[in-house]
């Protein structure tokens, strides 16, 4: 019984870790840039398909394909930010929602045309397959790897946002664009790099999530609500908030599907409602 409980908790943390990697970019764009980008999942899907193409057609190892997935999604995000998203920074949130949801359906149609509607396979390296036995309990090697990736991403983002000049430029540009430009900060370049970073993290998460979440053209629409839940519950514009929210929602989701499979899919929404009632501004509100 205890072993099952620990196993469910571990799988929930690993699942939540994956949700965090994908969702943290959305937290950055919504919280710091004040842009509602519902097409965030399309960048995650792009990263997943980049990994699939590299592995199945070019023979690139899985771990080597992940940085390429990050770079491809980041470049796509930067290109779309410069050509399309930038025109809507001052638009209403409704306009942003309608625009980005349109991109979602375009990405679904494009992926279906190029790759078909079937699920895409992924072959994990031997190092990440199987299980590791710790204290008499078996833990999945790949899920341990996901947790390690989240630790590294969290530390790197915290350092970037809070300890570097670039992080200070992001916060200044968001708080007052005119004053920041007067101080010599290239606000548009800062926003482009920030958007590229968020998109790249989504692409990285999409590559990491092929084995856990699956990959097909409906991916951006299927998991859109999950990404929004993480940001809404955790608090947009922070790192700690979405991390805590993703882990909690991941545990609730896995536990619900394991212990109450008939209603398991609804438990995560119940948890969301309860947490938003208790913390209406998110678990960790953005600091001024």
Protein backbone atom coordinates (compact mmCIF):
# COMPACT_ATOMS: atom_id res chain seq x y z
CA UNK A 1 0.00 0.00 0.00
CA UNK A 2 2.77 2.44 0.92
CA UNK A 3 4.71 1.39 -2.16
CA UNK A 4 1.70 2.16 -4.37
CA UNK A 5 1.23 5.53 -2.71
CA UNK A 6 4.87 6.45 -3.21
CA UNK A 7 4.70 5.26 -6.81
CA UNK A 8 1.63 7.38 -7.54
CA UNK A 9 3.25 10.39 -5.87
CA UNK A 10 6.42 9.90 -7.86
CA UNK A 11 4.58 9.54 -11.18
CA UNK A 12 2.52 12.63 -10.35
CA UNK A 13 5.63 14.67 -9.63
CA UNK A 14 7.23 13.48 -12.88
CA UNK A 15 4.06 14.32 -14.83
CA UNK A 16 3.85 17.70 -13.13
CA UNK A 17 7.51 18.32 -13.95
CA UNK A 18 6.74 17.87 -17.62
CA UNK A 19 3.76 20.22 -17.41
CA UNK A 20 6.00 22.81 -15.76
CA UNK A 21 8.66 22.71 -18.48
CA UNK A 22 6.03 23.32 -21.16
CA UNK A 23 3.93 25.83 -19.19
CA UNK A 24 6.65 28.07 -17.75
CA UNK A 25 7.06 29.81 -21.11
CA UNK A 26 3.35 30.62 -21.11
CA UNK A 27 3.71 32.02 -17.59
CA UNK A 28 6.48 34.31 -18.86
CA UNK A 29 4.52 35.61 -21.86
CA UNK A 30 1.25 36.06 -19.94
CA UNK A 31 2.69 37.41 -16.71
CA UNK A 32 5.69 39.42 -17.82
CA UNK A 33 4.63 40.43 -21.33
CA UNK A 34 0.87 40.59 -20.63
CA UNK A 35 0.11 38.62 -23.79
CA UNK A 36 -2.45 35.79 -23.85
CA UNK A 37 -0.84 33.25 -26.15
CA UNK A 38 -3.14 30.24 -26.46
CA UNK A 39 -0.92 28.94 -29.28
CA UNK A 40 1.82 28.12 -26.79
CA UNK A 41 1.12 24.40 -27.20
CA UNK A 42 1.86 24.68 -30.94
CA UNK A 43 5.50 25.44 -30.11
CA UNK A 44 5.58 22.38 -27.86
CA UNK A 45 4.19 20.31 -30.71
CA UNK A 46 6.83 21.73 -33.05
CA UNK A 47 9.57 20.64 -30.65
CA UNK A 48 8.07 17.16 -30.48
CA UNK A 49 7.94 16.77 -34.25
CA UNK A 50 11.50 18.07 -34.60
CA UNK A 51 12.65 15.32 -32.22
CA UNK A 52 10.65 12.69 -34.13
CA UNK A 53 12.07 13.72 -37.51
CA UNK A 54 15.62 13.85 -36.20
CA UNK A 55 15.36 10.43 -34.55
CA UNK A 56 13.34 8.48 -37.13
CA UNK A 57 14.66 9.96 -40.37
CA UNK A 58 18.16 11.18 -39.55
CA UNK A 59 19.14 8.75 -36.80
CA UNK A 60 19.93 11.47 -34.26
CA UNK A 61 19.96 10.20 -30.63
CA UNK A 62 17.08 11.33 -28.42
CA UNK A 63 19.18 13.41 -26.03
CA UNK A 64 20.93 15.16 -28.92
CA UNK A 65 17.58 16.02 -30.51
CA UNK A 66 16.33 17.94 -27.45
CA UNK A 67 18.60 21.02 -27.86
CA UNK A 68 17.61 21.16 -31.53
CA UNK A 69 13.93 21.05 -30.53
CA UNK A 70 14.54 23.95 -28.14
CA UNK A 71 16.35 25.96 -30.83
CA UNK A 72 13.72 25.26 -33.52
CA UNK A 73 10.83 26.32 -31.29
CA UNK A 74 12.76 29.39 -30.11
CA UNK A 75 13.49 30.48 -33.69
CA UNK A 76 9.86 29.93 -34.68
CA UNK A 77 8.72 31.94 -31.66
CA UNK A 78 11.10 34.78 -32.45
CA UNK A 79 9.99 34.87 -36.10
CA UNK A 80 6.29 34.90 -35.22
CA UNK A 81 6.85 37.51 -32.52
CA UNK A 82 8.52 39.86 -34.97
CA UNK A 83 6.02 39.36 -37.79
CA UNK A 84 2.68 38.77 -36.02
CA UNK A 85 2.60 38.88 -32.24
CA UNK A 86 4.26 42.29 -31.97
CA UNK A 87 1.32 43.88 -33.75
CA UNK A 88 -1.03 42.75 -30.97
CA UNK A 89 0.86 43.77 -27.80
CA UNK A 90 -1.44 46.74 -27.31
CA UNK A 91 -4.58 44.90 -28.48
CA UNK A 92 -7.30 43.68 -26.15
CA UNK A 93 -7.03 40.24 -24.59
CA UNK A 94 -9.99 39.11 -26.69
CA UNK A 95 -8.11 39.99 -29.88
CA UNK A 96 -5.07 38.12 -28.60
CA UNK A 97 -7.15 35.07 -27.75
CA UNK A 98 -8.87 35.00 -31.14
CA UNK A 99 -5.56 35.47 -32.96
CA UNK A 100 -3.68 32.77 -31.04
CA UNK A 101 -6.53 30.25 -31.17
CA UNK A 102 -6.51 30.73 -34.93
CA UNK A 103 -2.83 29.82 -34.95
CA UNK A 104 -3.67 26.67 -32.98
CA UNK A 105 -6.06 25.43 -35.67
CA UNK A 106 -3.59 26.38 -38.39
CA UNK A 107 -0.84 24.40 -36.67
CA UNK A 108 -3.15 21.38 -36.29
CA UNK A 109 -4.02 21.49 -39.99
CA UNK A 110 -0.37 21.89 -40.98
CA UNK A 111 0.83 19.02 -38.78
CA UNK A 112 -1.95 16.76 -40.05
CA UNK A 113 -1.02 17.52 -43.67
CA UNK A 114 2.70 16.85 -43.15
CA UNK A 115 2.73 14.02 -40.61
CA UNK A 116 -0.76 12.54 -40.73
CA UNK A 117 -3.12 12.13 -37.81
CA UNK A 118 -1.44 9.15 -36.13
CA UNK A 119 0.55 9.15 -32.91
CA UNK A 120 4.29 9.54 -33.40
CA UNK A 121 6.67 6.92 -31.97
CA UNK A 122 9.77 7.64 -29.93
CA UNK A 123 12.63 5.34 -29.00
CA UNK A 124 14.23 6.30 -25.70
CA UNK A 125 17.90 5.47 -25.16
CA UNK A 126 18.67 2.39 -23.06
CA UNK A 127 19.91 4.64 -20.26
CA UNK A 128 16.43 6.14 -19.82
CA UNK A 129 14.46 2.92 -20.18
CA UNK A 130 13.64 0.55 -17.37
CA UNK A 131 13.59 1.26 -13.67
CA UNK A 132 15.90 2.20 -10.83
CA UNK A 133 15.41 0.52 -7.47
CA UNK A 134 15.72 2.82 -4.47
CA UNK A 135 14.87 1.79 -0.89
CA UNK A 136 13.06 -1.26 -2.15
CA UNK A 137 10.84 0.71 -4.56
CA UNK A 138 11.18 0.79 -8.34
CA UNK A 139 11.23 4.23 -9.99
CA UNK A 140 11.08 4.82 -13.73
CA UNK A 141 14.41 6.00 -15.11
CA UNK A 142 12.81 8.41 -17.56
CA UNK A 143 10.66 9.99 -14.88
CA UNK A 144 13.74 10.53 -12.73
CA UNK A 145 15.29 12.21 -15.75
CA UNK A 146 12.26 14.51 -16.12
CA UNK A 147 12.52 15.59 -12.49
CA UNK A 148 16.24 16.29 -12.93
CA UNK A 149 15.50 18.43 -16.02
CA UNK A 150 12.95 20.48 -14.07
CA UNK A 151 15.44 21.12 -11.28
CA UNK A 152 17.99 22.34 -13.84
CA UNK A 153 15.45 24.50 -15.71
CA UNK A 154 14.13 26.06 -12.50
CA UNK A 155 17.59 26.98 -11.25
CA UNK A 156 18.60 28.39 -14.64
CA UNK A 157 15.44 30.49 -15.03
CA UNK A 158 15.63 31.81 -11.49
CA UNK A 159 19.20 32.91 -12.09
CA UNK A 160 18.34 34.43 -15.48
CA UNK A 161 15.28 36.40 -14.32
CA UNK A 162 16.50 37.50 -10.90
CA UNK A 163 20.29 37.70 -11.14
CA UNK A 164 21.17 39.00 -14.60
CA UNK A 165 20.96 42.30 -16.48
CA UNK A 166 18.68 40.64 -19.01
CA UNK A 167 16.23 39.68 -16.26
CA UNK A 168 16.29 43.23 -14.95
CA UNK A 169 15.65 44.51 -18.49
CA UNK A 170 12.63 42.20 -18.79
CA UNK A 171 11.11 43.43 -15.54
CA UNK A 172 11.80 47.07 -16.40
CA UNK A 173 10.37 46.74 -19.92
CA UNK A 174 7.17 45.20 -18.58
CA UNK A 175 6.69 47.75 -15.81
CA UNK A 176 7.23 50.83 -18.01
CA UNK A 177 8.16 50.51 -21.68
CA UNK A 178 8.67 54.24 -22.27
CA UNK A 179 10.94 54.72 -19.26
CA UNK A 180 12.92 51.60 -20.19
CA UNK A 181 13.40 52.83 -23.75
CA UNK A 182 14.53 56.20 -22.35
CA UNK A 183 17.18 54.39 -20.31
CA UNK A 184 18.57 52.77 -23.45
CA UNK A 185 16.85 49.39 -23.22
CA UNK A 186 15.76 47.99 -26.57
CA UNK A 187 12.30 46.95 -25.42
CA UNK A 188 11.33 45.16 -28.64
CA UNK A 189 14.52 43.11 -28.62
CA UNK A 190 13.97 42.17 -24.98
CA UNK A 191 10.42 41.05 -25.78
CA UNK A 192 11.63 39.07 -28.80
CA UNK A 193 14.25 37.24 -26.76
CA UNK A 194 11.78 36.61 -23.95
CA UNK A 195 9.19 35.21 -26.34
CA UNK A 196 11.85 33.05 -27.98
CA UNK A 197 12.91 31.72 -24.58
CA UNK A 198 9.35 30.80 -23.65
CA UNK A 199 8.75 29.15 -27.02
CA UNK A 200 12.04 27.26 -26.79
CA UNK A 201 11.13 25.87 -23.38
CA UNK A 202 7.79 24.75 -24.82
CA UNK A 203 9.64 22.99 -27.64
CA UNK A 204 11.94 21.31 -25.14
CA UNK A 205 8.92 20.16 -23.14
CA UNK A 206 7.25 18.89 -26.29
CA UNK A 207 10.26 16.74 -27.08
CA UNK A 208 10.47 15.45 -23.54
CA UNK A 209 6.75 14.71 -23.48
CA UNK A 210 6.47 12.44 -26.51
CA UNK A 211 6.84 9.29 -24.43
CA UNK A 212 4.51 10.52 -21.64
CA UNK A 213 1.90 12.73 -23.31
CA UNK A 214 2.04 11.33 -26.81
CA UNK A 215 2.31 13.41 -29.98
CA UNK A 216 -0.29 13.96 -32.68
CA UNK A 217 -1.62 17.04 -34.49
CA UNK A 218 -4.27 17.72 -31.82
CA UNK A 219 -1.59 18.19 -29.13
CA UNK A 220 -1.93 22.03 -28.86
CA UNK A 221 -5.68 21.79 -28.35
CA UNK A 222 -5.67 18.65 -26.20
CA UNK A 223 -3.33 20.06 -23.55
CA UNK A 224 -4.16 23.76 -23.81
CA UNK A 225 -6.34 23.61 -20.69
CA UNK A 226 -3.57 21.90 -18.69
CA UNK A 227 -1.05 24.62 -19.53
CA UNK A 228 -3.55 27.34 -18.65
CA UNK A 229 -4.36 25.58 -15.37
CA UNK A 230 -0.72 25.60 -14.34
CA UNK A 231 -0.37 29.32 -15.05
CA UNK A 232 -3.73 30.31 -13.54
CA UNK A 233 -3.26 28.30 -10.34
CA UNK A 234 0.43 29.12 -9.91
CA UNK A 235 0.28 32.78 -10.82
CA UNK A 236 1.47 34.23 -14.13
CA UNK A 237 4.85 35.92 -14.26
CA UNK A 238 6.52 33.81 -11.58
CA UNK A 239 8.65 30.67 -11.60
CA UNK A 240 7.90 29.24 -8.17
CA UNK A 241 4.12 29.49 -8.57
CA UNK A 242 3.76 27.46 -11.78
CA UNK A 243 6.27 24.93 -10.44
CA UNK A 244 4.21 24.31 -7.30
CA UNK A 245 0.97 24.32 -9.28
CA UNK A 246 2.28 21.90 -11.90
CA UNK A 247 3.49 19.44 -9.27
CA UNK A 248 0.23 19.62 -7.31
CA UNK A 249 -1.94 19.26 -10.40
CA UNK A 250 0.23 16.43 -11.69
CA UNK A 251 -0.14 14.52 -8.41
CA UNK A 252 -3.90 15.13 -8.27
CA UNK A 253 -4.34 14.05 -11.88
CA UNK A 254 -2.32 10.83 -11.56
CA UNK A 255 -3.82 9.96 -8.17
CA UNK A 256 -7.35 10.57 -9.43
CA UNK A 257 -6.89 8.37 -12.48
CA UNK A 258 -5.26 5.64 -10.35
CA UNK A 259 -7.61 5.55 -7.37
CA UNK A 260 -10.84 6.70 -9.03
CA UNK A 261 -10.56 6.00 -12.76
CA UNK A 262 -14.27 6.62 -13.34
CA UNK A 263 -13.97 10.28 -12.34
CA UNK A 264 -10.20 10.70 -12.47
CA UNK A 265 -10.24 13.18 -15.34
CA UNK A 266 -12.39 15.60 -13.33
CA UNK A 267 -10.30 15.62 -10.16
CA UNK A 268 -7.71 18.00 -11.58
CA UNK A 269 -10.46 20.54 -12.30
CA UNK A 270 -11.87 20.18 -8.80
CA UNK A 271 -8.38 20.78 -7.42
CA UNK A 272 -8.06 23.86 -9.63
CA UNK A 273 -11.35 25.34 -8.41
CA UNK A 274 -10.44 24.76 -4.75
CA UNK A 275 -6.98 26.30 -5.12
CA UNK A 276 -8.31 29.32 -7.02
CA UNK A 277 -10.95 29.89 -4.35
CA UNK A 278 -8.26 29.84 -1.67
CA UNK A 279 -5.64 31.72 -3.74
CA UNK A 280 -7.58 33.85 -6.27
CA UNK A 281 -4.38 35.55 -7.47
CA UNK A 282 -2.45 32.32 -7.77
CA UNK A 283 -0.31 30.40 -5.31
CA UNK A 284 2.53 32.89 -5.75
CA UNK A 285 1.55 36.33 -6.97
CA UNK A 286 3.92 38.27 -9.16
CA UNK A 287 6.19 40.56 -7.21
CA UNK A 288 6.02 44.23 -7.97
